[in-house]
């Protein structure tokens, strides 16, 4: 009898330990992924695996590896890693797939997996994850044959990975700078340490103030998720206490980084997209930049001012990566702090962004607050506001009926975006819950942005 595996989500695998994800299920996922990659026994495939710092990640990774090997797949274990180290290793080693065991910023009693195929192409619901789920649910695998079993090898790719990170900057450009780095007791610390060693060897004047630096799956300072206001104080306070130039905090598997200015103020991800676009266009004039439709005017203005080509894509890593490959775009950014890079196999990284911003601040000889303040004043935004509604589609229809006739631009790339002379908004429904997500921005007019946000929420919530 087929057992439904509820840990399979739209883009990855994520579930509560015991009931939704355990060693048996991890083994079945390994068998299923192996069969998905190599449906005939004559094809010998290789998959790289890694795991974050969670207390269950090592055991789940071993069970996964055993499933892969029993399906005839060779496994390379690169140890305790962040998700992007799996992205890098899959491409760098030229293997057939990769799996990171991680629950990122989910609660303590969760874990999960992120899967990619060759060249670190994403595996999500419409690109293979549903087939893998069906195979794992059926659990109807051939008996493992000992002499056909895959092998397990241990290998570190850290040096090659950091070599690659260093290619994004010109170290000689960096002027004396003090950085607070908060790994949240997650997986980022070992990469920061390696980068620090490189900077010292090159006499690059970067000073690191390390907060919650040691990897600890007990998360003694809370689950690392800087999107939550409650998780920002330690980074902000350290920036102020040490008179630092910038603060950097990561989530558990460090595929997202979050920046704080020299005053300890959190920088919304939307404005970081513009900063990174500028950084790339200074190095690669005329390049294409991908952005999502939730908030866009600031990004478009910066890209065009720096001679680049802005291209809008539907929100979500699978859509962004696909569009980047199609357009050969050098960079893609989302306001949710996911940043994607052509030379990083079109994957997202939480290390490349802060390296680029560090260099950009030196080149511009500006403080981060000054750089960002001008952009926030030019294009103030509401940030994403979620409304839990009984009927999201009906609520969006009400808003559309109220505003569409006066709109200069109507765009349906992702949800509905309406643009007017001095302001715009985007409305999107969640795929997984009865929630509508609203983003509003204006041109140089905070009161207008706030007024329109209030009006839109009133219509949405039928107040």
Protein backbone atom coordinates (compact mmCIF):
# COMPACT_ATOMS: atom_id res chain seq x y z
CA UNK A 1 0.00 0.00 0.00
CA UNK A 2 1.36 3.39 -1.03
CA UNK A 3 2.12 5.77 1.85
CA UNK A 4 1.71 9.50 1.16
CA UNK A 5 4.92 11.39 1.94
CA UNK A 6 3.87 14.86 3.06
CA UNK A 7 7.41 16.27 3.33
CA UNK A 8 7.53 16.79 -0.45
CA UNK A 9 6.76 20.47 -1.13
CA UNK A 10 6.67 22.58 -4.30
CA UNK A 11 10.42 23.21 -4.46
CA UNK A 12 12.07 20.91 -1.92
CA UNK A 13 11.54 18.35 0.84
CA UNK A 14 10.73 19.67 4.31
CA UNK A 15 8.96 18.00 7.18
CA UNK A 16 8.57 17.30 10.86
CA UNK A 17 11.02 14.77 12.22
CA UNK A 18 9.61 11.33 12.93
CA UNK A 19 6.20 11.65 11.30
CA UNK A 20 7.15 13.30 8.01
CA UNK A 21 10.89 12.68 7.75
CA UNK A 22 13.00 9.94 9.32
CA UNK A 23 15.88 7.66 8.35
CA UNK A 24 13.58 5.19 6.57
CA UNK A 25 12.01 7.93 4.47
CA UNK A 26 15.46 9.40 3.76
CA UNK A 27 16.60 5.97 2.53
CA UNK A 28 13.56 5.72 0.26
CA UNK A 29 14.25 9.20 -1.11
CA UNK A 30 17.80 8.03 -1.90
CA UNK A 31 16.51 4.95 -3.71
CA UNK A 32 13.97 7.05 -5.60
CA UNK A 33 16.49 9.74 -6.59
CA UNK A 34 18.90 7.06 -7.79
CA UNK A 35 16.20 5.42 -9.91
CA UNK A 36 15.12 8.82 -11.23
CA UNK A 37 18.69 9.62 -12.34
CA UNK A 38 19.55 6.14 -13.63
CA UNK A 39 16.43 4.23 -14.70
CA UNK A 40 18.56 1.47 -16.26
CA UNK A 41 21.17 -0.45 -14.29
CA UNK A 42 23.85 0.06 -16.95
CA UNK A 43 24.03 3.81 -16.25
CA UNK A 44 26.47 4.59 -13.45
CA UNK A 45 25.71 7.93 -11.82
CA UNK A 46 27.34 10.00 -9.08
CA UNK A 47 25.61 12.24 -6.54
CA UNK A 48 27.23 14.63 -4.07
CA UNK A 49 25.66 14.97 -0.62
CA UNK A 50 26.11 17.38 2.28
CA UNK A 51 24.25 18.37 5.40
CA UNK A 52 23.73 21.38 7.64
CA UNK A 53 24.42 21.57 11.39
CA UNK A 54 21.11 20.13 12.61
CA UNK A 55 21.49 17.25 15.03
CA UNK A 56 19.64 14.88 12.70
CA UNK A 57 21.32 15.89 9.45
CA UNK A 58 24.25 13.45 9.65
CA UNK A 59 22.01 10.41 10.21
CA UNK A 60 19.54 11.46 7.50
CA UNK A 61 22.41 12.08 5.11
CA UNK A 62 23.82 8.58 5.77
CA UNK A 63 20.40 6.99 5.22
CA UNK A 64 20.01 8.98 2.00
CA UNK A 65 23.48 7.89 0.88
CA UNK A 66 22.67 4.25 1.59
CA UNK A 67 19.54 4.54 -0.53
CA UNK A 68 21.51 6.09 -3.36
CA UNK A 69 24.21 3.41 -3.15
CA UNK A 70 21.65 0.59 -3.06
CA UNK A 71 20.27 2.02 -6.29
CA UNK A 72 23.74 1.70 -7.84
CA UNK A 73 24.75 5.36 -7.51
CA UNK A 74 28.20 6.43 -6.31
CA UNK A 75 28.06 9.01 -3.51
CA UNK A 76 30.53 11.77 -2.62
CA UNK A 77 29.99 13.18 0.88
CA UNK A 78 31.43 16.70 1.23
CA UNK A 79 30.62 16.94 4.95
CA UNK A 80 28.93 19.74 6.91
CA UNK A 81 27.94 22.32 4.32
CA UNK A 82 25.56 25.06 3.34
CA UNK A 83 23.22 24.52 0.41
CA UNK A 84 25.30 26.54 -2.00
CA UNK A 85 28.31 24.33 -1.36
CA UNK A 86 26.25 21.48 -2.82
CA UNK A 87 25.35 23.69 -5.80
CA UNK A 88 29.02 24.44 -6.30
CA UNK A 89 30.25 20.87 -5.81
CA UNK A 90 27.66 19.40 -8.21
CA UNK A 91 28.87 21.70 -10.99
CA UNK A 92 32.56 21.69 -10.03
CA UNK A 93 32.86 17.90 -9.77
CA UNK A 94 30.79 17.33 -12.91
CA UNK A 95 28.48 14.85 -11.18
CA UNK A 96 24.90 13.90 -11.97
CA UNK A 97 23.14 15.40 -8.97
CA UNK A 98 23.39 16.82 -5.49
CA UNK A 99 21.43 16.77 -2.24
CA UNK A 100 21.73 19.07 0.75
CA UNK A 101 20.12 17.82 3.94
CA UNK A 102 18.79 20.99 5.56
CA UNK A 103 15.74 22.60 7.10
CA UNK A 104 17.30 26.08 6.80
CA UNK A 105 15.24 28.35 9.09
CA UNK A 106 12.51 25.87 10.05
CA UNK A 107 11.92 24.92 13.72
CA UNK A 108 14.17 22.53 15.65
CA UNK A 109 11.96 19.50 15.07
CA UNK A 110 12.16 19.80 11.27
CA UNK A 111 14.61 18.75 8.60
CA UNK A 112 14.55 18.45 4.84
CA UNK A 113 16.43 18.16 1.55
CA UNK A 114 17.17 20.31 -1.47
CA UNK A 115 17.88 18.42 -4.71
CA UNK A 116 19.60 19.37 -7.96
CA UNK A 117 20.57 17.46 -11.07
CA UNK A 118 23.58 17.90 -13.38
CA UNK A 119 24.99 21.44 -13.64
CA UNK A 120 23.01 22.19 -10.43
CA UNK A 121 19.74 22.54 -12.32
CA UNK A 122 16.88 22.74 -9.81
CA UNK A 123 14.61 19.79 -9.18
CA UNK A 124 11.19 21.06 -8.15
CA UNK A 125 7.58 19.99 -8.54
CA UNK A 126 7.46 20.31 -12.32
CA UNK A 127 11.04 19.19 -13.02
CA UNK A 128 11.24 15.81 -11.33
CA UNK A 129 10.36 16.15 -7.66
CA UNK A 130 6.89 14.67 -8.15
CA UNK A 131 8.35 11.61 -9.92
CA UNK A 132 10.84 11.13 -7.10
CA UNK A 133 8.00 11.46 -4.59
CA UNK A 134 5.91 8.84 -6.41
CA UNK A 135 8.81 6.37 -6.47
CA UNK A 136 9.53 6.93 -2.77
CA UNK A 137 5.85 6.55 -1.87
CA UNK A 138 5.50 3.29 -3.84
CA UNK A 139 8.65 1.97 -2.12
CA UNK A 140 8.79 -0.81 -4.72
CA UNK A 141 12.52 -1.04 -5.34
CA UNK A 142 14.49 -4.00 -6.67
CA UNK A 143 16.56 -5.93 -4.17
CA UNK A 144 19.97 -4.25 -3.80
CA UNK A 145 22.73 -6.35 -5.43
CA UNK A 146 25.98 -6.24 -3.44
CA UNK A 147 28.40 -6.19 -6.36
CA UNK A 148 26.35 -3.49 -8.12
CA UNK A 149 26.13 -1.24 -5.07
CA UNK A 150 27.49 2.28 -5.37
CA UNK A 151 30.53 3.49 -3.47
CA UNK A 152 30.88 6.15 -0.78
CA UNK A 153 33.77 8.63 -0.80
CA UNK A 154 34.58 11.59 1.46
CA UNK A 155 35.84 14.73 -0.24
CA UNK A 156 36.23 18.39 0.67
CA UNK A 157 35.44 21.04 -1.93
CA UNK A 158 35.86 23.98 0.46
CA UNK A 159 39.13 25.25 -1.03
CA UNK A 160 37.82 25.17 -4.60
CA UNK A 161 34.54 26.78 -3.50
CA UNK A 162 36.30 29.68 -1.75
CA UNK A 163 38.65 30.02 -4.74
CA UNK A 164 35.49 30.57 -6.79
CA UNK A 165 34.00 33.08 -4.33
CA UNK A 166 37.15 35.17 -4.56
CA UNK A 167 36.71 35.55 -8.34
CA UNK A 168 33.72 37.86 -7.81
CA UNK A 169 35.81 40.65 -6.31
CA UNK A 170 39.10 42.44 -6.89
CA UNK A 171 40.65 42.21 -3.41
CA UNK A 172 42.95 45.18 -4.05
CA UNK A 173 39.85 47.41 -4.32
CA UNK A 174 38.85 46.80 -0.71
CA UNK A 175 39.73 49.56 1.72
CA UNK A 176 39.87 49.06 5.53
CA UNK A 177 36.47 47.79 6.62
CA UNK A 178 35.02 46.21 9.75
CA UNK A 179 32.29 43.60 9.34
CA UNK A 180 30.03 41.96 11.92
CA UNK A 181 29.25 38.43 10.75
CA UNK A 182 26.49 36.42 12.41
CA UNK A 183 26.29 32.76 11.37
CA UNK A 184 23.48 32.12 13.85
CA UNK A 185 25.30 28.94 14.94
CA UNK A 186 24.46 27.61 11.48
CA UNK A 187 26.66 26.37 8.65
CA UNK A 188 28.26 29.64 7.49
CA UNK A 189 31.13 29.91 9.99
CA UNK A 190 33.65 27.62 8.31
CA UNK A 191 33.33 29.54 5.04
CA UNK A 192 33.81 32.89 6.80
CA UNK A 193 36.94 31.51 8.48
CA UNK A 194 38.36 30.39 5.14
CA UNK A 195 37.61 33.77 3.53
CA UNK A 196 39.25 35.51 6.50
CA UNK A 197 42.39 33.44 5.92
CA UNK A 198 42.43 34.42 2.24
CA UNK A 199 42.07 38.10 3.07
CA UNK A 200 44.91 37.91 5.60
CA UNK A 201 47.18 36.17 3.10
CA UNK A 202 46.49 38.92 0.55
CA UNK A 203 46.78 41.73 3.15
CA UNK A 204 43.19 42.78 2.46
CA UNK A 205 42.18 45.03 5.41
CA UNK A 206 38.94 43.31 6.45
CA UNK A 207 38.26 42.85 10.16
CA UNK A 208 35.62 40.30 11.17
CA UNK A 209 33.59 40.57 14.38
CA UNK A 210 32.08 37.11 14.80
CA UNK A 211 28.70 36.62 16.48
CA UNK A 212 27.18 33.16 17.22
CA UNK A 213 29.94 31.83 15.05
CA UNK A 214 30.35 28.22 16.15
CA UNK A 215 28.24 25.61 14.37
CA UNK A 216 25.80 24.20 16.92
CA UNK A 217 22.74 22.16 15.98
CA UNK A 218 21.16 22.95 19.35
CA UNK A 219 20.84 26.58 18.15
CA UNK A 220 21.46 28.07 21.60
CA UNK A 221 20.65 31.56 20.29
CA UNK A 222 17.54 30.56 18.39
CA UNK A 223 16.90 29.31 14.86
CA UNK A 224 18.81 31.57 12.44
CA UNK A 225 16.21 33.43 10.41
CA UNK A 226 17.04 37.14 10.04
CA UNK A 227 13.78 37.75 8.17
CA UNK A 228 12.18 37.70 11.62
CA UNK A 229 12.53 40.95 13.56
CA UNK A 230 13.31 39.01 16.74
CA UNK A 231 16.42 37.52 15.11
CA UNK A 232 18.05 40.84 14.17
CA UNK A 233 18.99 42.43 17.48
CA UNK A 234 22.25 40.55 18.10
CA UNK A 235 23.66 41.58 14.71
CA UNK A 236 22.45 45.17 15.00
CA UNK A 237 23.77 45.56 18.54
CA UNK A 238 27.17 44.15 17.59
CA UNK A 239 27.45 46.59 14.66
CA UNK A 240 26.83 49.51 17.01
CA UNK A 241 29.02 48.20 19.84
CA UNK A 242 32.01 47.61 17.55
CA UNK A 243 31.48 50.67 15.35
CA UNK A 244 31.39 48.35 12.33
CA UNK A 245 30.83 49.36 8.74
CA UNK A 246 28.31 46.64 7.95
CA UNK A 247 26.55 43.67 9.54
CA UNK A 248 25.89 40.36 7.78
CA UNK A 249 23.59 37.61 9.05
CA UNK A 250 22.70 34.29 7.44
CA UNK A 251 19.96 31.72 7.74
CA UNK A 252 20.81 28.15 8.74
CA UNK A 253 22.07 26.88 5.38
CA UNK A 254 23.35 30.37 4.37
CA UNK A 255 21.79 30.48 0.92
CA UNK A 256 20.41 33.89 1.98
CA UNK A 257 22.31 36.73 3.60
CA UNK A 258 20.86 39.82 5.24
CA UNK A 259 22.69 43.14 5.53
CA UNK A 260 22.72 45.84 8.21
CA UNK A 261 24.17 49.32 7.72
CA UNK A 262 26.75 50.97 9.99
CA UNK A 263 23.94 52.18 12.27
CA UNK A 264 22.67 48.65 12.81
CA UNK A 265 19.64 49.27 10.58
CA UNK A 266 18.33 46.25 8.67
CA UNK A 267 18.37 46.73 4.88
CA UNK A 268 15.33 45.37 3.05
CA UNK A 269 16.27 42.81 0.40
CA UNK A 270 14.69 44.86 -2.39
CA UNK A 271 17.36 47.54 -2.14
CA UNK A 272 20.17 44.97 -2.05
CA UNK A 273 19.06 43.76 -5.50
CA UNK A 274 19.80 47.24 -6.88
CA UNK A 275 23.19 47.36 -5.16
CA UNK A 276 24.23 44.02 -6.60
CA UNK A 277 22.95 44.94 -10.06
CA UNK A 278 25.14 48.04 -9.94
CA UNK A 279 28.12 46.00 -8.76
CA UNK A 280 27.81 43.61 -11.69
CA UNK A 281 27.19 46.28 -14.29
CA UNK A 282 30.36 48.08 -13.25
CA UNK A 283 32.23 44.89 -14.11
CA UNK A 284 30.06 43.74 -17.04
CA UNK A 285 28.51 46.73 -18.86
CA UNK A 286 25.39 45.95 -20.87
CA UNK A 287 24.60 42.76 -18.96
CA UNK A 288 21.09 41.46 -18.39
CA UNK A 289 19.65 41.55 -14.85
CA UNK A 290 16.64 39.47 -13.79
CA UNK A 291 14.28 40.78 -11.11
CA UNK A 292 10.92 39.73 -9.68
CA UNK A 293 7.73 41.80 -10.09
CA UNK A 294 6.84 42.41 -6.45
CA UNK A 295 8.95 45.58 -6.22
CA UNK A 296 10.81 46.66 -9.33
CA UNK A 297 11.15 50.40 -10.01
CA UNK A 298 14.34 50.88 -8.02
CA UNK A 299 16.00 47.89 -9.67
CA UNK A 300 14.96 48.95 -13.17
CA UNK A 301 16.19 52.51 -12.60
CA UNK A 302 19.61 51.37 -11.38
CA UNK A 303 20.04 48.81 -14.15
CA UNK A 304 19.13 51.29 -16.88
CA UNK A 305 21.28 54.05 -15.36
CA UNK A 306 24.25 51.68 -15.42
CA UNK A 307 23.71 50.56 -19.00
CA UNK A 308 22.16 47.17 -18.23
CA UNK A 309 19.03 45.41 -19.43
CA UNK A 310 16.35 44.73 -16.76
CA UNK A 311 14.17 41.65 -17.32
CA UNK A 312 11.18 40.71 -15.17
CA UNK A 313 10.60 37.08 -14.16
CA UNK A 314 8.00 35.26 -12.13
CA UNK A 315 8.95 34.96 -8.45
CA UNK A 316 10.60 31.74 -7.24
CA UNK A 317 14.00 30.17 -7.63
CA UNK A 318 13.00 27.71 -10.38
CA UNK A 319 11.53 30.52 -12.53
CA UNK A 320 14.43 32.92 -11.92
CA UNK A 321 17.06 30.29 -12.72
CA UNK A 322 15.25 29.19 -15.87
CA UNK A 323 14.92 32.78 -17.12
CA UNK A 324 18.56 33.53 -16.32
CA UNK A 325 19.69 30.57 -18.41
CA UNK A 326 17.38 31.60 -21.24
CA UNK A 327 18.65 35.21 -21.24
CA UNK A 328 22.26 34.47 -20.21
CA UNK A 329 21.74 37.02 -17.44
CA UNK A 330 24.71 37.75 -15.18
CA UNK A 331 22.62 38.23 -12.03
CA UNK A 332 19.09 37.75 -10.74
CA UNK A 333 17.68 39.02 -7.45
CA UNK A 334 14.53 38.70 -5.39
CA UNK A 335 13.40 40.97 -2.57
CA UNK A 336 13.30 37.86 -0.33
CA UNK A 337 17.14 37.91 -0.14
CA UNK A 338 17.69 35.21 -2.76
CA UNK A 339 20.42 36.27 -5.17
CA UNK A 340 21.41 34.24 -8.24
CA UNK A 341 24.62 34.33 -10.26
CA UNK A 342 25.39 33.14 -13.79
CA UNK A 343 28.92 32.06 -12.93
CA UNK A 344 27.59 30.13 -9.92
CA UNK A 345 25.66 27.71 -12.13
CA UNK A 346 22.76 30.22 -12.06
CA UNK A 347 22.24 29.28 -8.41
CA UNK A 348 21.62 31.37 -5.32
CA UNK A 349 24.38 32.24 -2.88
CA UNK A 350 24.50 33.91 0.51
CA UNK A 351 28.25 34.54 0.33
CA UNK A 352 28.67 36.29 -3.01
CA UNK A 353 26.31 39.23 -2.19
CA UNK A 354 28.15 40.58 0.85
CA UNK A 355 31.52 40.21 -0.90
CA UNK A 356 30.25 42.34 -3.78
CA UNK A 357 28.72 44.96 -1.49
CA UNK A 358 31.94 45.14 0.56
CA UNK A 359 33.91 45.90 -2.60
CA UNK A 360 31.26 48.32 -3.92
CA UNK A 361 31.35 50.39 -0.71
CA UNK A 362 35.11 50.69 -1.06
CA UNK A 363 34.96 51.64 -4.73
CA UNK A 364 32.21 54.25 -4.12
CA UNK A 365 33.86 55.38 -0.86
CA UNK A 366 30.42 55.57 0.72
CA UNK A 367 28.70 54.29 3.83
CA UNK A 368 26.03 51.66 3.30
CA UNK A 369 23.37 53.86 4.91
CA UNK A 370 24.08 56.70 2.48
CA UNK A 371 24.03 54.38 -0.51
CA UNK A 372 20.74 52.79 0.48
CA UNK A 373 19.09 55.93 1.89
CA UNK A 374 19.10 57.60 -1.51
CA UNK A 375 17.40 54.57 -3.06
CA UNK A 376 14.77 54.29 -0.33
CA UNK A 377 13.96 57.99 -0.74
CA UNK A 378 13.72 57.60 -4.52
CA UNK A 379 11.50 54.50 -4.33
CA UNK A 380 9.97 54.02 -0.87
CA UNK A 381 8.20 50.68 -0.47
CA UNK A 382 5.76 49.00 1.88
CA UNK A 383 7.61 45.70 2.13
CA UNK A 384 5.55 42.55 1.71
CA UNK A 385 2.30 42.58 3.69
CA UNK A 386 0.40 39.30 4.06
CA UNK A 387 -3.37 39.11 4.50
CA UNK A 388 -5.05 35.83 5.44
CA UNK A 389 -8.36 35.84 3.61
CA UNK A 390 -11.31 33.47 3.20
CA UNK A 391 -11.37 33.98 -0.57
CA UNK A 392 -8.09 35.37 -1.96
CA UNK A 393 -9.20 35.31 -5.63
CA UNK A 394 -12.35 37.30 -4.89
CA UNK A 395 -10.36 39.87 -2.86
CA UNK A 396 -7.87 40.37 -5.70
CA UNK A 397 -10.77 40.79 -8.15
CA UNK A 398 -12.20 43.56 -5.92
CA UNK A 399 -8.90 45.43 -5.97
CA UNK A 400 -8.48 44.99 -9.69
CA UNK A 401 -11.98 46.32 -10.37
CA UNK A 402 -11.21 49.41 -8.30
CA UNK A 403 -7.87 50.32 -9.91
CA UNK A 404 -7.41 48.72 -13.33
CA UNK A 405 -9.21 51.34 -15.41
CA UNK A 406 -6.78 54.08 -14.32
CA UNK A 407 -3.61 51.96 -14.59
CA UNK A 408 -0.96 52.88 -17.14
CA UNK A 409 0.46 49.33 -17.09
CA UNK A 410 -1.23 46.04 -16.24
CA UNK A 411 1.14 43.09 -15.89
CA UNK A 412 0.34 39.47 -15.01
CA UNK A 413 3.84 38.02 -14.90
CA UNK A 414 3.20 37.00 -11.30
CA UNK A 415 -0.15 37.78 -9.77
CA UNK A 416 -1.28 41.25 -10.85
CA UNK A 417 0.90 44.37 -11.07
CA UNK A 418 -0.69 47.76 -11.75
CA UNK A 419 1.41 50.84 -12.46
CA UNK A 420 0.39 54.49 -12.29
CA UNK A 421 2.37 57.68 -12.84
CA UNK A 422 3.74 57.93 -9.29
CA UNK A 423 3.05 54.54 -7.68
CA UNK A 424 2.55 50.86 -8.36
CA UNK A 425 1.53 47.68 -6.57
CA UNK A 426 1.73 43.91 -6.93
CA UNK A 427 -0.74 41.38 -5.52
CA UNK A 428 0.00 37.65 -5.42
CA UNK A 429 -1.79 34.68 -3.92
CA UNK A 430 0.18 32.10 -1.96
CA UNK A 431 0.35 28.65 -3.54
CA UNK A 432 0.13 26.88 -0.19
CA UNK A 433 -2.19 28.91 2.07
CA UNK A 434 -5.16 31.34 1.81
CA UNK A 435 -2.91 34.38 1.90
CA UNK A 436 -2.58 37.38 -0.42
CA UNK A 437 0.77 39.18 -0.53
CA UNK A 438 0.83 42.93 -1.22
CA UNK A 439 3.76 45.15 -2.18
CA UNK A 440 3.44 48.88 -2.87
CA UNK A 441 6.03 51.46 -3.98
CA UNK A 442 6.04 55.07 -5.11
CA UNK A 443 8.33 57.62 -6.69
CA UNK A 444 9.87 59.83 -3.99
CA UNK A 445 6.63 59.99 -2.02
CA UNK A 446 6.38 58.13 1.28
CA UNK A 447 2.94 59.56 2.24
CA UNK A 448 1.52 58.46 -1.14
CA UNK A 449 2.93 54.95 -0.70
CA UNK A 450 1.49 54.72 2.80
CA UNK A 451 -1.89 56.12 1.72
CA UNK A 452 -2.21 53.64 -1.16
CA UNK A 453 -1.09 50.75 1.04
CA UNK A 454 -3.80 51.55 3.58
CA UNK A 455 -6.45 51.85 0.86
CA UNK A 456 -5.46 48.58 -0.81
CA UNK A 457 -5.48 46.68 2.48
CA UNK A 458 -8.91 48.06 3.29
CA UNK A 459 -10.33 46.78 0.00
CA UNK A 460 -8.53 43.45 0.30
CA UNK A 461 -9.74 42.86 3.84
CA UNK A 462 -13.16 44.33 3.00
CA UNK A 463 -12.95 46.75 5.93
